Protein backbone atom coordinates (compact mmCIF):
# COMPACT_ATOMS: atom_id res chain seq x y z
CA MET A 1 6.94 21.31 -14.70
CA THR A 2 5.45 20.12 -11.38
CA LYS A 3 1.43 20.23 -12.87
CA THR A 4 2.80 18.07 -15.98
CA LEU A 5 3.99 15.52 -13.41
CA PHE A 6 0.68 16.18 -11.92
CA GLN A 7 -1.62 16.14 -14.87
CA ILE A 8 1.05 12.83 -16.14
CA ILE A 9 0.28 10.70 -12.63
CA SER A 10 -3.74 12.14 -12.70
CA GLU A 11 -4.53 10.75 -16.71
CA VAL A 12 -2.63 7.13 -15.87
CA MET A 13 -4.24 6.90 -12.07
CA ASN A 14 -7.62 8.30 -13.61
CA ILE A 15 -7.43 10.66 -10.45
CA SER A 16 -8.57 14.30 -9.98
CA ILE A 17 -5.34 16.20 -9.63
CA GLU A 18 -6.52 18.06 -7.16
CA LYS A 19 -6.04 15.32 -5.02
CA ILE A 20 -2.50 14.03 -5.90
CA SER A 21 0.31 16.00 -3.66
CA ASP A 22 4.25 14.43 -2.84
CA SER A 23 3.24 12.48 -0.49
CA SER A 24 0.65 10.77 -3.06
CA GLY A 25 1.27 6.89 -3.33
CA PRO A 26 -0.23 3.40 -3.62
CA ASP A 27 -1.90 4.04 0.26
CA SER A 28 -3.23 7.08 -1.41
CA ILE A 29 -4.46 6.16 -5.21
CA PRO A 30 -6.42 2.80 -5.43
CA ALA A 31 -4.98 2.33 -9.15
CA TRP A 32 -1.61 2.76 -8.20
CA ASP A 33 -0.58 -1.13 -9.14
CA SER A 34 2.10 -2.70 -10.56
CA PHE A 35 0.73 -2.23 -13.91
CA ASN A 36 0.27 1.73 -14.18
CA MET A 37 3.40 2.08 -12.20
CA PHE A 38 4.98 0.58 -15.48
CA VAL A 39 2.53 3.10 -17.63
CA LEU A 40 3.71 5.51 -15.12
CA LEU A 41 7.48 5.12 -15.56
CA ALA A 42 7.50 5.03 -19.22
CA GLU A 43 5.27 8.60 -19.60
CA ILE A 44 7.54 9.91 -16.72
CA GLU A 45 10.57 9.10 -18.94
CA LYS A 46 9.12 10.40 -22.23
CA GLU A 47 8.03 13.31 -21.52
CA PHE A 48 11.12 14.77 -19.42
CA ASN A 49 13.36 13.05 -21.52
CA VAL A 50 14.93 10.78 -18.44
CA ASN A 51 15.59 7.13 -17.18
CA PHE A 52 15.07 5.56 -14.22
CA SER A 53 17.60 2.79 -13.31
CA LEU A 54 16.10 -0.42 -11.58
CA GLU A 55 17.33 1.17 -8.73
CA GLU A 56 15.69 4.26 -9.02
CA THR A 57 12.92 2.43 -9.64
CA LEU A 58 12.26 0.45 -6.58
CA GLN A 59 13.02 3.12 -4.46
CA ILE A 60 10.14 5.37 -5.83
CA LYS A 61 7.02 4.90 -3.36
CA THR A 62 5.54 8.36 -3.68
CA VAL A 63 4.67 11.04 -5.79
CA GLY A 64 7.48 13.19 -3.96
CA ASP A 65 9.62 10.20 -5.01
CA PHE A 66 9.19 10.61 -8.50
CA ARG A 67 9.95 14.45 -8.24
CA LYS A 68 13.58 13.63 -7.16
CA LYS A 69 14.27 11.11 -9.04
CA SER A 70 13.44 12.80 -12.03
CA GLY A 71 14.39 16.52 -11.25
CA VAL A 72 11.29 17.73 -11.89
CA VAL A 73 10.74 21.10 -9.52
């Protein structure tokens, strides 16, 4: 599942999957802006059949946060 998550991030952020880790976020991925964050949220919700609350969304700062909030192992 982690590979699927990284693949989604790679596609949305237009970055090589090899450059993605749990610590990746807006500081290390230049395309991680508010619009792409919204697209990423929608794609992850659809793929993993989860729904993020507004509070959860505001707490997501890294790829690792997405893994924790979505239950992706």
